[in-house]
Amino acid sequence: MLVGEAPGADEDANGIPFIGAAGKTLTWLLQQSGISRNDCAITNVARIRPPNNDISRYYQDKKLTIPTTQMQEWINLLKQEILEYNPNIIVALLCYYCTVNFSVFTAQR
């Protein structure tokens, strides 16, 4: 399971994670590793592109440790997806401060 931070413009417009420039790079990297993109569950924590592509808009504090109600709903959705897919591995394709929060709900598995 591959988990990104938030959709980019192409992803937001189409509702499909990692289909823009980053998605092309991701697909190429997977292919180089012998992994088919179709064999991966790919999603984002945030489901809507943040204003000005600024993920801090989805947090209540400057350290980005207290999610807004909307972000908490998305985190809960991701928890459900993790339980549903039951992946062997979860790769966090996120910035550093998001991976800290990501560890909170992957540790429950």
N, C-alpha and C. Protein backbone atom coordinates (compact mmCIF):
# COMPACT_ATOMS: atom_id res chain seq x y z
N MET A 1 0.86 -1.17 0.00
CA MET A 1 0.00 0.00 0.00
C MET A 1 0.90 1.22 0.00
N LEU A 2 0.62 2.14 -0.93
CA LEU A 2 1.37 3.38 -1.05
C LEU A 2 0.45 4.53 -0.64
N VAL A 3 0.92 5.35 0.30
CA VAL A 3 0.09 6.43 0.84
C VAL A 3 0.80 7.76 0.65
N GLY A 4 0.18 8.64 -0.13
CA GLY A 4 0.70 9.98 -0.33
C GLY A 4 0.11 10.96 0.65
N GLU A 5 0.59 12.18 0.55
CA GLU A 5 0.15 13.23 1.45
C GLU A 5 -1.22 13.79 1.06
N ALA A 6 -1.33 14.27 -0.18
CA ALA A 6 -2.56 14.90 -0.66
C ALA A 6 -2.53 14.89 -2.19
N PRO A 7 -3.68 14.99 -2.81
CA PRO A 7 -3.70 15.00 -4.27
C PRO A 7 -3.09 16.27 -4.86
N GLY A 8 -2.49 16.11 -6.02
CA GLY A 8 -2.05 17.27 -6.78
C GLY A 8 -3.22 17.75 -7.64
N ALA A 9 -2.96 18.68 -8.51
CA ALA A 9 -4.02 19.26 -9.35
C ALA A 9 -4.67 18.21 -10.25
N ASP A 10 -3.86 17.37 -10.91
CA ASP A 10 -4.41 16.34 -11.80
C ASP A 10 -5.23 15.32 -11.01
N GLU A 11 -4.70 14.93 -9.86
CA GLU A 11 -5.39 13.94 -9.03
C GLU A 11 -6.70 14.51 -8.49
N ASP A 12 -6.67 15.76 -8.07
CA ASP A 12 -7.87 16.40 -7.53
C ASP A 12 -8.95 16.50 -8.60
N ALA A 13 -8.55 16.82 -9.81
CA ALA A 13 -9.51 16.97 -10.91
C ALA A 13 -10.12 15.63 -11.34
N ASN A 14 -9.34 14.56 -11.21
CA ASN A 14 -9.79 13.25 -11.69
C ASN A 14 -10.21 12.28 -10.59
N GLY A 15 -9.85 12.57 -9.35
CA GLY A 15 -10.21 11.69 -8.25
C GLY A 15 -9.41 10.41 -8.19
N ILE A 16 -8.26 10.36 -8.87
CA ILE A 16 -7.42 9.18 -8.89
C ILE A 16 -6.03 9.57 -8.35
N PRO A 17 -5.54 8.88 -7.31
CA PRO A 17 -4.24 9.24 -6.75
C PRO A 17 -3.09 8.97 -7.72
N PHE A 18 -2.11 9.84 -7.69
CA PHE A 18 -0.85 9.66 -8.41
C PHE A 18 -1.01 9.42 -9.90
N ILE A 19 -1.71 10.33 -10.58
CA ILE A 19 -1.82 10.23 -12.04
C ILE A 19 -1.11 11.39 -12.75
N GLY A 20 -0.63 12.36 -11.97
CA GLY A 20 0.08 13.50 -12.55
C GLY A 20 1.57 13.18 -12.70
N ALA A 21 2.39 14.20 -12.65
CA ALA A 21 3.84 14.04 -12.83
C ALA A 21 4.43 13.11 -11.77
N ALA A 22 4.03 13.28 -10.52
CA ALA A 22 4.54 12.40 -9.46
C ALA A 22 4.10 10.96 -9.70
N GLY A 23 2.90 10.80 -10.21
CA GLY A 23 2.38 9.46 -10.50
C GLY A 23 3.15 8.77 -11.61
N LYS A 24 3.56 9.54 -12.62
CA LYS A 24 4.36 8.97 -13.70
C LYS A 24 5.71 8.50 -13.17
N THR A 25 6.29 9.30 -12.29
CA THR A 25 7.55 8.90 -11.67
C THR A 25 7.35 7.67 -10.80
N LEU A 26 6.29 7.65 -10.03
CA LEU A 26 5.99 6.50 -9.18
C LEU A 26 5.80 5.24 -10.01
N THR A 27 5.04 5.33 -11.09
CA THR A 27 4.81 4.18 -11.96
C THR A 27 6.13 3.67 -12.53
N TRP A 28 7.00 4.59 -12.96
CA TRP A 28 8.29 4.21 -13.51
C TRP A 28 9.13 3.50 -12.45
N LEU A 29 9.16 4.05 -11.23
CA LEU A 29 9.93 3.44 -10.15
C LEU A 29 9.41 2.04 -9.81
N LEU A 30 8.10 1.90 -9.78
CA LEU A 30 7.52 0.58 -9.53
C LEU A 30 7.92 -0.40 -10.62
N GLN A 31 7.82 0.03 -11.88
CA GLN A 31 8.19 -0.83 -13.00
C GLN A 31 9.66 -1.25 -12.91
N GLN A 32 10.53 -0.30 -12.56
CA GLN A 32 11.95 -0.61 -12.43
C GLN A 32 12.20 -1.62 -11.31
N SER A 33 11.30 -1.68 -10.37
CA SER A 33 11.41 -2.62 -9.24
C SER A 33 10.70 -3.93 -9.52
N GLY A 34 10.09 -4.03 -10.70
CA GLY A 34 9.37 -5.26 -11.05
C GLY A 34 8.00 -5.35 -10.41
N ILE A 35 7.45 -4.22 -10.04
CA ILE A 35 6.13 -4.18 -9.38
C ILE A 35 5.13 -3.51 -10.31
N SER A 36 3.99 -4.14 -10.50
CA SER A 36 2.93 -3.54 -11.30
C SER A 36 2.13 -2.58 -10.43
N ARG A 37 1.85 -1.42 -10.97
CA ARG A 37 1.03 -0.43 -10.25
C ARG A 37 -0.32 -1.05 -9.88
N ASN A 38 -0.83 -1.93 -10.73
CA ASN A 38 -2.13 -2.57 -10.47
C ASN A 38 -2.10 -3.50 -9.26
N ASP A 39 -0.90 -3.87 -8.82
CA ASP A 39 -0.78 -4.74 -7.65
C ASP A 39 -0.71 -3.97 -6.34
N CYS A 40 -0.78 -2.64 -6.44
CA CYS A 40 -0.64 -1.78 -5.25
C CYS A 40 -1.95 -1.05 -4.97
N ALA A 41 -2.26 -0.92 -3.71
CA ALA A 41 -3.32 0.01 -3.29
C ALA A 41 -2.62 1.36 -3.14
N ILE A 42 -3.13 2.38 -3.84
CA ILE A 42 -2.52 3.70 -3.81
C ILE A 42 -3.57 4.71 -3.37
N THR A 43 -3.23 5.50 -2.36
CA THR A 43 -4.17 6.48 -1.83
C THR A 43 -3.42 7.67 -1.26
N ASN A 44 -4.13 8.62 -0.73
CA ASN A 44 -3.57 9.78 -0.03
C ASN A 44 -4.24 9.90 1.33
N VAL A 45 -3.54 10.53 2.26
CA VAL A 45 -4.17 10.81 3.55
C VAL A 45 -5.25 11.86 3.33
N ALA A 46 -4.87 13.03 2.83
CA ALA A 46 -5.86 14.07 2.52
C ALA A 46 -6.52 13.71 1.19
N ARG A 47 -7.80 13.89 1.09
CA ARG A 47 -8.53 13.49 -0.11
C ARG A 47 -8.83 14.66 -1.04
N ILE A 48 -8.58 15.88 -0.57
CA ILE A 48 -8.80 17.08 -1.38
C ILE A 48 -7.50 17.88 -1.36
N ARG A 49 -7.13 18.41 -2.51
CA ARG A 49 -5.92 19.23 -2.60
C ARG A 49 -6.05 20.44 -1.67
N PRO A 50 -5.05 20.64 -0.80
CA PRO A 50 -5.14 21.78 0.12
C PRO A 50 -4.96 23.10 -0.61
N PRO A 51 -5.56 24.17 -0.11
CA PRO A 51 -5.38 25.49 -0.71
C PRO A 51 -3.89 25.83 -0.83
N ASN A 52 -3.51 26.31 -1.99
CA ASN A 52 -2.10 26.64 -2.26
C ASN A 52 -1.16 25.46 -2.05
N ASN A 53 -1.71 24.26 -2.13
CA ASN A 53 -0.94 23.02 -1.94
C ASN A 53 -0.19 23.02 -0.61
N ASP A 54 -0.82 23.60 0.41
CA ASP A 54 -0.22 23.77 1.73
C ASP A 54 -0.92 22.83 2.72
N ILE A 55 -0.29 21.70 3.00
CA ILE A 55 -0.90 20.68 3.86
C ILE A 55 -1.15 21.19 5.27
N SER A 56 -0.44 22.24 5.69
CA SER A 56 -0.64 22.77 7.04
C SER A 56 -2.06 23.31 7.24
N ARG A 57 -2.77 23.56 6.15
CA ARG A 57 -4.16 24.04 6.26
C ARG A 57 -5.07 23.00 6.91
N TYR A 58 -4.63 21.75 6.92
CA TYR A 58 -5.43 20.68 7.49
C TYR A 58 -5.03 20.35 8.93
N TYR A 59 -4.26 21.24 9.54
CA TYR A 59 -3.85 21.07 10.93
C TYR A 59 -4.17 22.32 11.73
N GLN A 60 -4.40 22.14 13.03
CA GLN A 60 -4.78 23.26 13.89
C GLN A 60 -3.58 23.96 14.51
N ASP A 61 -2.41 23.34 14.46
CA ASP A 61 -1.23 23.92 15.09
C ASP A 61 -0.07 24.00 14.11
N LYS A 62 0.92 24.81 14.44
CA LYS A 62 2.06 25.03 13.54
C LYS A 62 2.97 23.81 13.44
N LYS A 63 2.95 22.95 14.45
CA LYS A 63 3.79 21.75 14.42
C LYS A 63 3.12 20.62 13.63
N LEU A 64 1.90 20.85 13.19
CA LEU A 64 1.14 19.88 12.39
C LEU A 64 0.93 18.57 13.12
N THR A 65 0.56 18.67 14.38
CA THR A 65 0.30 17.48 15.18
C THR A 65 -1.17 17.34 15.54
N ILE A 66 -1.95 18.41 15.41
CA ILE A 66 -3.37 18.36 15.75
C ILE A 66 -4.18 18.55 14.46
N PRO A 67 -4.73 17.44 13.94
CA PRO A 67 -5.46 17.55 12.67
C PRO A 67 -6.80 18.27 12.85
N THR A 68 -7.22 18.92 11.78
CA THR A 68 -8.57 19.51 11.76
C THR A 68 -9.58 18.37 11.74
N THR A 69 -10.83 18.71 11.93
CA THR A 69 -11.89 17.70 11.87
C THR A 69 -11.88 16.99 10.52
N GLN A 70 -11.70 17.75 9.45
CA GLN A 70 -11.66 17.16 8.11
C GLN A 70 -10.51 16.18 7.96
N MET A 71 -9.31 16.57 8.41
CA MET A 71 -8.15 15.68 8.31
C MET A 71 -8.37 14.44 9.16
N GLN A 72 -8.96 14.59 10.34
CA GLN A 72 -9.22 13.43 11.19
C GLN A 72 -10.17 12.46 10.51
N GLU A 73 -11.15 12.97 9.78
CA GLU A 73 -12.05 12.10 9.02
C GLU A 73 -11.28 11.32 7.96
N TRP A 74 -10.35 12.00 7.29
CA TRP A 74 -9.53 11.32 6.27
C TRP A 74 -8.60 10.28 6.90
N ILE A 75 -8.05 10.60 8.07
CA ILE A 75 -7.20 9.63 8.78
C ILE A 75 -8.02 8.40 9.14
N ASN A 76 -9.25 8.59 9.60
CA ASN A 76 -10.12 7.47 9.92
C ASN A 76 -10.44 6.65 8.68
N LEU A 77 -10.65 7.32 7.55
CA LEU A 77 -10.89 6.62 6.28
C LEU A 77 -9.67 5.79 5.90
N LEU A 78 -8.49 6.36 6.07
CA LEU A 78 -7.27 5.61 5.76
C LEU A 78 -7.13 4.40 6.67
N LYS A 79 -7.46 4.55 7.94
CA LYS A 79 -7.43 3.41 8.86
C LYS A 79 -8.33 2.28 8.35
N GLN A 80 -9.53 2.65 7.87
CA GLN A 80 -10.46 1.66 7.33
C GLN A 80 -9.87 0.99 6.10
N GLU A 81 -9.23 1.77 5.24
CA GLU A 81 -8.62 1.21 4.03
C GLU A 81 -7.49 0.25 4.39
N ILE A 82 -6.70 0.60 5.39
CA ILE A 82 -5.62 -0.28 5.82
C ILE A 82 -6.19 -1.61 6.32
N LEU A 83 -7.26 -1.55 7.08
CA LEU A 83 -7.89 -2.78 7.57
C LEU A 83 -8.49 -3.58 6.42
N GLU A 84 -9.10 -2.88 5.46
CA GLU A 84 -9.72 -3.55 4.32
C GLU A 84 -8.69 -4.23 3.42
N TYR A 85 -7.63 -3.52 3.08
CA TYR A 85 -6.62 -4.07 2.17
C TYR A 85 -5.67 -5.03 2.87
N ASN A 86 -5.47 -4.82 4.17
CA ASN A 86 -4.54 -5.64 4.94
C ASN A 86 -3.21 -5.81 4.21
N PRO A 87 -2.55 -4.69 3.89
CA PRO A 87 -1.33 -4.78 3.10
C PRO A 87 -0.17 -5.42 3.86
N ASN A 88 0.74 -6.04 3.10
CA ASN A 88 1.94 -6.60 3.70
C ASN A 88 2.90 -5.51 4.13
N ILE A 89 2.86 -4.39 3.42
CA ILE A 89 3.75 -3.28 3.71
C ILE A 89 3.02 -1.98 3.37
N ILE A 90 3.31 -0.94 4.13
CA ILE A 90 2.76 0.39 3.86
C ILE A 90 3.94 1.32 3.62
N VAL A 91 3.95 1.95 2.46
CA VAL A 91 5.00 2.91 2.13
C VAL A 91 4.40 4.30 2.22
N ALA A 92 4.96 5.11 3.10
CA ALA A 92 4.49 6.48 3.29
C ALA A 92 5.25 7.40 2.33
N LEU A 93 4.54 7.92 1.34
CA LEU A 93 5.12 8.85 0.37
C LEU A 93 4.77 10.26 0.81
N LEU A 94 5.27 10.63 1.97
CA LEU A 94 4.86 11.87 2.62
C LEU A 94 6.07 12.69 3.04
N CYS A 95 5.80 13.93 3.39
CA CYS A 95 6.84 14.75 3.97
C CYS A 95 7.11 14.26 5.40
N TYR A 96 8.21 14.70 5.97
CA TYR A 96 8.62 14.20 7.28
C TYR A 96 7.56 14.38 8.36
N TYR A 97 7.03 15.59 8.47
CA TYR A 97 6.10 15.84 9.58
C TYR A 97 4.82 15.03 9.45
N CYS A 98 4.46 14.66 8.24
CA CYS A 98 3.27 13.82 8.08
C CYS A 98 3.56 12.38 8.47
N THR A 99 4.78 11.92 8.25
CA THR A 99 5.11 10.54 8.61
C THR A 99 5.06 10.34 10.11
N VAL A 100 5.34 11.40 10.87
CA VAL A 100 5.23 11.29 12.32
C VAL A 100 3.78 10.98 12.68
N ASN A 101 2.84 11.72 12.12
CA ASN A 101 1.43 11.45 12.37
C ASN A 101 1.02 10.10 11.80
N PHE A 102 1.57 9.72 10.67
CA PHE A 102 1.24 8.46 10.03
C PHE A 102 1.57 7.29 10.95
N SER A 103 2.67 7.40 11.69
CA SER A 103 3.07 6.31 12.58
C SER A 103 2.05 6.06 13.68
N VAL A 104 1.29 7.06 14.03
CA VAL A 104 0.29 6.92 15.10
C VAL A 104 -0.75 5.87 14.74
N PHE A 105 -1.22 5.88 13.49
CA PHE A 105 -2.27 4.91 13.20
C PHE A 105 -1.76 3.65 12.52
N THR A 106 -0.55 3.59 12.04
CA THR A 106 -0.03 2.32 11.51
C THR A 106 0.44 1.43 12.65
N ALA A 107 0.83 2.03 13.77
CA ALA A 107 1.27 1.24 14.90
C ALA A 107 0.15 0.42 15.51
N GLN A 108 -1.10 0.80 15.25
CA GLN A 108 -2.24 0.07 15.81
C GLN A 108 -2.51 -1.25 15.10
N ARG A 109 -1.89 -1.44 13.98
CA ARG A 109 -2.14 -2.63 13.17
C ARG A 109 -1.69 -3.90 13.80
